[in-house]
Structures are given as structure tokens and as C-alpha cells.
Amino acid sequence: MIVAIDGPSGTGKSSTSKAVAAQLGLSYLDTGAQYRAITWWMVTNGIDVDDVSSVAAAAGKPEIVSGTDPQGPTITVDGVDVAGPIRTQEVTSKVSAVSAVPEVRARITELQRSIAASAEQGIVVEGRDIGTTVLPDADLKIFLTASPEARAARRSGELKGADVHSTREALIKRDAADSSRKTSPLAKADDAVEVDTTELTLAQVIECVVTLVEEKRAGK
């Protein structure tokens, strides 16, 4: 059972995906963390992330390993635990530029497909282009949405003390970059189920997705 959950930031993708995977005994993959990891590596190694050819040339160098236990997902680069460092503002501000480079997307997409293929019990994969590009044959595709205001409020809640207005502006800017890039833009797959989380609690979103997965399983 492969479940693809896509959507912009602040829609509850990570929390929902982890909880659904844990509840249903599936593996879990945060694909955004992989793009953050390769961005962190580029920054740490002095690669100019605005120079597409430099980023492309270095795309194959870092070894990225994702742990897929939903109770405690891990991510390492060249053996170093980067779960904390990849969430810094510096990485966040540069991840769109790095992830737009076709060579980076090809490298990470290949990694994601191999992880999904090796998940014996099935997997919940969350990201921005999973249902459209990475796993177009996923058993179930879900696209989470929410109003920019709701997403900004959630994200600033996560980033203790962040300003909601500037968070909202940053989210809209990131959406525009991700939706307009030439390679694998953020988009809803034609056969995805859209779930608007604006008025829903996290528990309600999780319940909704679990129900969709169980219905799909029963129908297989």
C-alpha cells in the first residue's frame, strides 16, 4: 500500500502522514527533509546555491539516508544526523532554489522511489510532487490544502514566536516558487483526493486520511 500525500507547507502534511503511518503500521517518508538535507550539504560545503551548474555538479555527492519509522523518523547526510540543522532559517530560505535544479530532483526522486519500493508493509510518502512525479502509480493520492491564513498561524505556532504576517508572506512566496518551477512543480494529481484542512483539527484530518486508506485497502 503506497499512500502519497502532497500539498503546500502548513497544511498539516507531516503531522498527518506520521500519525497515519503509525496508526496503520506503514513506513513513513518525509521527502521535504531530503531536499532540506541536500540543501544543508550544499550550504555547509560552500556551494553557491544560486549557481545552477555548481548545484547540479554536486547533486550526486552527499549520501542521504532516511529512516522510515513514523515514531522516530531520522535523516543523515554522510553519516551525520541533520534532523535539527536542516530546519534552520538559512536552509529554509534556500531549499526552493536547490530543489528546482533538475539534477537534484532526479537524484532525490530516484532515492524516494527506491525507499518506497523496499517498504514491505507499505509506506506513506509526503511531499509536493509525489502523486504527480515520484509515485504516479501510488495506491492512494491525497492533496491537503488550507487557507494561507490558517497555514501561517500553524507554522508560526511551530516556530515559537514567529510573526504570522511574515510567515504568511514566506509561505505564499514558497508556494509560488514551488508551483512555477519547470521540473516537478507542486501540483495536485488528477486522481488525488483533495482534503481542505482549514477548518479541521489535526485529529480530524488524521481520521479522514485513515478512513480513506482503509476504504482503499478494503476495495483492493
Protein backbone atom coordinates (compact mmCIF):
# COMPACT_ATOMS: atom_id res chain seq x y z
CA MET A 1 0.00 0.00 0.00
CA ILE A 2 1.63 3.22 -1.15
CA VAL A 3 -0.04 6.44 0.01
CA ALA A 4 1.10 9.77 -1.50
CA ILE A 5 0.26 12.90 0.49
CA ASP A 6 1.05 16.19 -1.24
CA GLY A 7 0.33 19.83 -0.53
CA PRO A 8 1.98 23.14 0.35
CA SER A 9 3.62 23.83 3.72
CA GLY A 10 1.45 24.42 6.77
CA THR A 11 -1.40 22.11 5.69
CA GLY A 12 -0.53 19.50 8.32
CA LYS A 13 1.21 17.10 5.92
CA SER A 14 3.99 15.90 8.23
CA SER A 15 1.91 15.51 11.40
CA THR A 16 -0.88 13.78 9.46
CA SER A 17 1.42 11.49 7.47
CA LYS A 18 3.39 10.37 10.54
CA ALA A 19 0.25 9.69 12.57
CA VAL A 20 -1.49 7.80 9.74
CA ALA A 21 1.60 5.66 9.09
CA ALA A 22 1.97 4.85 12.80
CA GLN A 23 -1.72 4.01 13.17
CA LEU A 24 -1.79 1.71 10.14
CA GLY A 25 1.61 0.06 10.60
CA LEU A 26 3.15 1.66 7.50
CA SER A 27 6.58 3.17 6.92
CA TYR A 28 6.86 6.96 6.56
CA LEU A 29 8.97 9.20 4.35
CA ASP A 30 9.31 12.97 4.63
CA THR A 31 10.61 13.90 1.17
CA GLY A 32 10.92 17.58 2.10
CA ALA A 33 13.56 16.59 4.67
CA GLN A 34 15.62 15.04 1.87
CA TYR A 35 15.58 18.28 -0.13
CA ARG A 36 16.47 20.16 3.04
CA ALA A 37 19.31 17.68 3.67
CA ILE A 38 20.87 18.18 0.25
CA THR A 39 20.44 21.96 0.66
CA TRP A 40 22.16 21.80 4.07
CA TRP A 41 25.04 19.87 2.48
CA MET A 42 25.38 22.47 -0.31
CA VAL A 43 25.46 25.34 2.21
CA THR A 44 27.87 23.52 4.55
CA ASN A 45 30.23 22.74 1.69
CA GLY A 46 30.27 26.28 0.34
CA ILE A 47 28.33 25.59 -2.86
CA ASP A 48 26.69 28.74 -4.26
CA VAL A 49 23.03 27.66 -4.30
CA ASP A 50 22.18 30.38 -6.83
CA ASP A 51 24.65 28.88 -9.31
CA VAL A 52 22.64 26.14 -11.01
CA SER A 53 25.65 24.47 -12.63
CA SER A 54 27.52 24.21 -9.30
CA VAL A 55 24.46 22.72 -7.58
CA ALA A 56 23.92 20.30 -10.48
CA ALA A 57 27.56 19.19 -10.43
CA ALA A 58 27.43 18.46 -6.69
CA ALA A 59 23.99 16.79 -6.62
CA GLY A 60 25.37 13.25 -6.59
CA LYS A 61 27.98 13.78 -3.85
CA PRO A 62 26.18 13.65 -0.47
CA GLU A 63 24.97 10.30 0.86
CA ILE A 64 21.45 10.84 2.24
CA VAL A 65 19.84 8.14 4.37
CA SER A 66 16.23 8.40 5.59
CA GLY A 67 14.93 6.30 8.48
CA THR A 68 11.26 5.45 7.83
CA ASP A 69 9.92 4.64 11.30
CA PRO A 70 6.97 7.03 11.77
CA GLN A 71 7.53 7.03 15.56
CA GLY A 72 11.03 8.41 15.08
CA PRO A 73 11.98 9.29 11.50
CA THR A 74 15.68 10.04 11.04
CA ILE A 75 17.82 11.63 8.37
CA THR A 76 21.59 11.61 7.98
CA VAL A 77 23.98 13.10 5.44
CA ASP A 78 27.33 11.32 5.09
CA GLY A 79 26.62 9.66 8.44
CA VAL A 80 25.83 12.93 10.27
CA ASP A 81 22.43 13.37 11.96
CA VAL A 82 20.97 16.51 10.37
CA ALA A 83 17.39 16.37 11.71
CA GLY A 84 17.96 19.64 13.59
CA PRO A 85 20.27 21.59 11.24
CA ILE A 86 18.00 21.14 8.19
CA ARG A 87 15.22 23.11 9.91
CA THR A 88 17.19 26.35 10.24
CA GLN A 89 16.02 29.54 8.56
CA GLU A 90 19.12 29.52 6.34
CA VAL A 91 18.22 26.13 4.87
CA THR A 92 14.52 27.04 4.64
CA SER A 93 15.34 30.17 2.63
CA LYS A 94 17.46 28.22 0.13
CA VAL A 95 15.64 24.92 -0.30
CA SER A 96 13.38 26.12 -3.14
CA ALA A 97 16.38 27.19 -5.24
CA VAL A 98 18.24 23.91 -4.70
CA SER A 99 15.18 21.70 -5.21
CA ALA A 100 14.36 23.42 -8.52
CA VAL A 101 17.59 22.11 -10.10
CA PRO A 102 16.68 19.13 -12.34
CA GLU A 103 19.77 17.10 -11.35
CA VAL A 104 18.85 17.45 -7.67
CA ARG A 105 15.27 16.37 -8.34
CA ALA A 106 16.41 13.39 -10.40
CA ARG A 107 18.77 12.26 -7.63
CA ILE A 108 16.25 12.65 -4.81
CA THR A 109 13.35 11.19 -6.84
CA GLU A 110 15.41 8.05 -7.51
CA LEU A 111 16.15 7.79 -3.77
CA GLN A 112 12.46 8.21 -2.89
CA ARG A 113 11.35 5.53 -5.36
CA SER A 114 13.85 3.02 -4.01
CA ILE A 115 12.71 3.66 -0.43
CA ALA A 116 9.03 3.25 -1.41
CA ALA A 117 9.78 0.06 -3.35
CA SER A 118 11.57 -1.51 -0.38
CA ALA A 119 8.83 -0.75 2.20
CA GLU A 120 7.43 -4.23 2.79
CA GLN A 121 4.34 -3.22 4.78
CA GLY A 122 3.62 -0.18 2.62
CA ILE A 123 4.50 3.47 3.11
CA VAL A 124 3.08 6.97 3.49
CA VAL A 125 5.19 9.38 1.41
CA GLU A 126 4.63 13.09 1.88
CA GLY A 127 5.87 15.94 -0.28
CA ARG A 128 4.94 18.22 -3.15
CA ASP A 129 5.24 16.09 -6.28
CA ILE A 130 4.72 12.54 -5.00
CA GLY A 131 1.40 11.78 -6.70
CA THR A 132 2.35 13.55 -9.93
CA THR A 133 6.02 12.66 -10.46
CA VAL A 134 7.66 10.43 -7.84
CA LEU A 135 4.99 7.77 -7.39
CA PRO A 136 2.34 8.32 -10.09
CA ASP A 137 1.08 4.74 -9.54
CA ALA A 138 0.52 5.20 -5.78
CA ASP A 139 -2.50 3.26 -4.49
CA LEU A 140 -3.96 6.40 -2.92
CA LYS A 141 -3.16 10.06 -3.56
CA ILE A 142 -4.23 12.80 -1.19
CA PHE A 143 -3.73 16.55 -1.66
CA LEU A 144 -4.01 18.64 1.52
CA THR A 145 -4.90 22.32 1.25
CA ALA A 146 -5.67 25.13 3.70
CA SER A 147 -6.06 28.90 3.55
CA PRO A 148 -2.80 30.92 3.70
CA GLU A 149 -4.02 32.41 7.00
CA ALA A 150 -4.56 29.00 8.62
CA ARG A 151 -1.24 27.72 7.35
CA ALA A 152 0.65 30.79 8.59
CA ALA A 153 -0.95 30.51 12.03
CA ARG A 154 0.07 26.84 12.28
CA ARG A 155 3.59 27.41 11.01
CA SER A 156 4.23 30.39 13.32
CA GLY A 157 2.93 28.25 16.18
CA GLU A 158 5.57 25.65 15.31
CA LEU A 159 8.28 28.32 15.02
CA LYS A 160 7.64 29.70 18.52
CA GLY A 161 7.24 33.46 18.41
CA ALA A 162 7.36 33.86 14.63
CA ASP A 163 5.34 36.72 13.17
CA VAL A 164 2.17 35.41 11.49
CA HIS A 165 2.18 38.07 8.77
CA SER A 166 5.79 37.49 7.69
CA THR A 167 5.24 33.72 7.94
CA ARG A 168 2.23 34.04 5.62
CA GLU A 169 4.27 36.09 3.12
CA ALA A 170 7.07 33.49 3.22
CA LEU A 171 4.60 30.64 2.64
CA ILE A 172 3.00 32.38 -0.35
CA LYS A 173 6.46 33.09 -1.82
CA ARG A 174 7.48 29.42 -1.34
CA ASP A 175 4.22 28.22 -2.95
CA ALA A 176 4.82 30.45 -5.97
CA ALA A 177 8.39 29.15 -6.36
CA ASP A 178 7.36 25.51 -5.96
CA SER A 179 4.31 25.77 -8.23
CA SER A 180 6.11 27.56 -11.05
CA ARG A 181 9.36 25.58 -11.27
CA LYS A 182 9.83 23.72 -14.54
CA THR A 183 10.77 20.36 -13.02
CA SER A 184 8.07 18.57 -11.00
CA PRO A 185 6.12 21.60 -9.77
CA LEU A 186 3.84 21.46 -6.73
CA ALA A 187 0.56 20.28 -8.24
CA LYS A 188 -2.45 18.17 -7.43
CA ALA A 189 -2.63 14.87 -9.34
CA ASP A 190 -5.80 14.43 -11.40
CA ASP A 191 -6.77 11.34 -9.38
CA ALA A 192 -5.92 12.78 -5.94
CA VAL A 193 -8.50 13.25 -3.19
CA GLU A 194 -8.39 16.89 -2.01
CA VAL A 195 -8.80 17.50 1.72
CA ASP A 196 -9.18 21.12 2.87
CA THR A 197 -7.79 21.26 6.42
CA THR A 198 -8.58 24.94 7.11
CA GLU A 199 -11.46 24.25 9.49
CA LEU A 200 -10.30 20.81 10.69
CA THR A 201 -8.33 19.88 13.79
CA LEU A 202 -5.27 17.68 13.29
CA ALA A 203 -7.17 14.74 14.80
CA GLN A 204 -9.97 15.22 12.25
CA VAL A 205 -7.52 15.34 9.34
CA ILE A 206 -5.81 12.15 10.56
CA GLU A 207 -9.17 10.40 10.97
CA CYS A 208 -10.20 11.48 7.47
CA VAL A 209 -7.00 10.16 5.87
CA VAL A 210 -7.04 6.89 7.85
CA THR A 211 -10.60 6.32 6.62
CA LEU A 212 -9.56 6.97 3.01
CA VAL A 213 -6.67 4.48 3.32
CA GLU A 214 -8.85 1.82 4.95
CA GLU A 215 -11.52 2.23 2.26
CA LYS A 216 -8.85 1.85 -0.41
CA ARG A 217 -7.43 -1.25 1.30
CA ALA A 218 -10.88 -2.82 1.56
CA GLY A 219 -11.50 -2.21 -2.12
CA LYS A 220 -8.20 -3.72 -3.31
